[in-house]
Amino acid sequence: MSTAPNALSATEAARHIREGRLSSVDLVKSCLQRISETEPTLRAWASLEEEAALKQAAEMDRIRKAGRPIGALHGVPVALKDIVDTKDLPTERGTPIFSGRRPTHDAAIVERLTDAGAVILGKTVTTELAFAHPAVTRNPHNPDYSPGGSSSGSAAAVAAFNVPLAIGTQTNGSVIRPASYCGIFGLKPTRGVVSRRGILQTSVTLDQVGCFGRTLEDAALLCDAVKGYDPSDTMSYPRPRPDMGAGVQAEAPVKPSLVWLEMPYHDKLTSDSIEAFAAVTEALGGQVERIKTSEKLAALVDVQHTIHEYEFCHHLSETLNTHWDQVSDTLKPIVQRGRKISQSEYEDALVVMDSAETFFEEFFHDYDAVIAPSATGEAPKFGDSTGDPIFCTIWNLAGLPCVTMPLLVGETGLPIGVQLIGAKEEDDRLLRTANWVLNELKAEA
């Protein structure tokens, strides 16, 4: 094989394993070798048990050779953000408060990955309690820069060819933003598509699971593997889910209708981002309509903050109260602010969130997708922050499916993502549109 196994896409690797041209053991060994090369600088992994991963891989090879049924991710290694419970690996949630924590049960998505034949390679670094305090992981393109957060290690590990696929979570912008900074694809499906059982709850309303891959097809493949109804998750819905893989493969019957919403916070965009997005919308020609939005729509950012901070303080009150001395100085002011939010302010915010969902249900009758920045620009310097999530906030609040594509490069050579946002429960249509955009821009290049 001319390509090193760890450099294969997940789709390619799964096909090679299925056809007997690559063993899962060789793929896992290749990933582990790459990790040994990058980890001293990258620091993407919270826990990694090589022997256990190789044992899983050997079992996947044995099953395939025996002619037994295999899943969509058979023998393919996957990384998990370290807030996803795993009974065979620690889940320490990015804080010394949970140092050495060993769950007794796997999260729902771990069960689904196991059913799909995936090899759980290890746990990736997250920010403290999946919130604002920067983690130790570096950007794989330049270690002087941040990979973003809170799914820091997951995005960096995929971008550095440590693993083909990784799971992240997003409460504000923690899948789309790090994917953008690290130059990979990030997919955050419709709220309720993927169960959150067994994942650290920071906001019962806003927490959502997302997927990282180096191709659009890979991100869809992983999302299809972990999606499903779970009655134990209050946001999970008892209806069929969109077929992500079919969406990527489908051809748009007509040229998609896209819209660029001029938001008041677009003044946060860096100058190179402004120039790059102007070029993108020009290349897409008459398919992009520009609309100047109202202050009312932009005010949804504050609504998200109210819900997020109130619920974070509520869900983690015992942990925060008992271990206040172990909480970072970055997080403490956010907690103190969240504790001042009243019950009535919180309930009012939930009502506005519901109205936003209704607004977007009608809005997408006229458009296939919103095209938007994934972040303000390139990654910030390491240690300064995990970056501003504002270009993800409204879409996450409304529970809309979002995908970021690594299409642009900033003035320092770091990646900048282009985000597409679609209609609720029409993730397949969004991915069909994303594939069209990729092909259209490739043809224009």
Foldseek 3Di string as FASTA:
>chain_A
DPDQLLPDALQVNLVCLLVVNDALLSNLVSLVVLCVVCCVLFVWAPDFDSVQLSVLRVVLSVCSVVVHDAASRASAEEEEALQWADQVAQRQQAFPLRPPHHDNDGFLLVVLCVVRNYRHGHHTAFHHNFDWAADPGAAPVDRQFALFHRSRSQLRSCLSSSGFKYKDKDQAQHFLLSVQQNFAKKKFAFFQFADCGRGRPLFLQQIGMMMTGRDQLSRLSSSVSGGDADVVRPRHDPDDFDNQNLLLVDADPDQFAEEEEADPPLVLADPQVVVVVVVLDVLSPPSYHYDYDDVLLLCLLVLSLLRSLLSNCVSCVVSCVVPVVRDDPVCVVSNVVNVPRDPVNNVVSVVVLVVLLVVLQVVQVVGFKYKFWSFSAHGGGPRPISGDSSRRGSLSSNRWMKMWHFDDAGPVGGTTTIMITGRRSVSSSRSNNVSVSVVSVVVVD
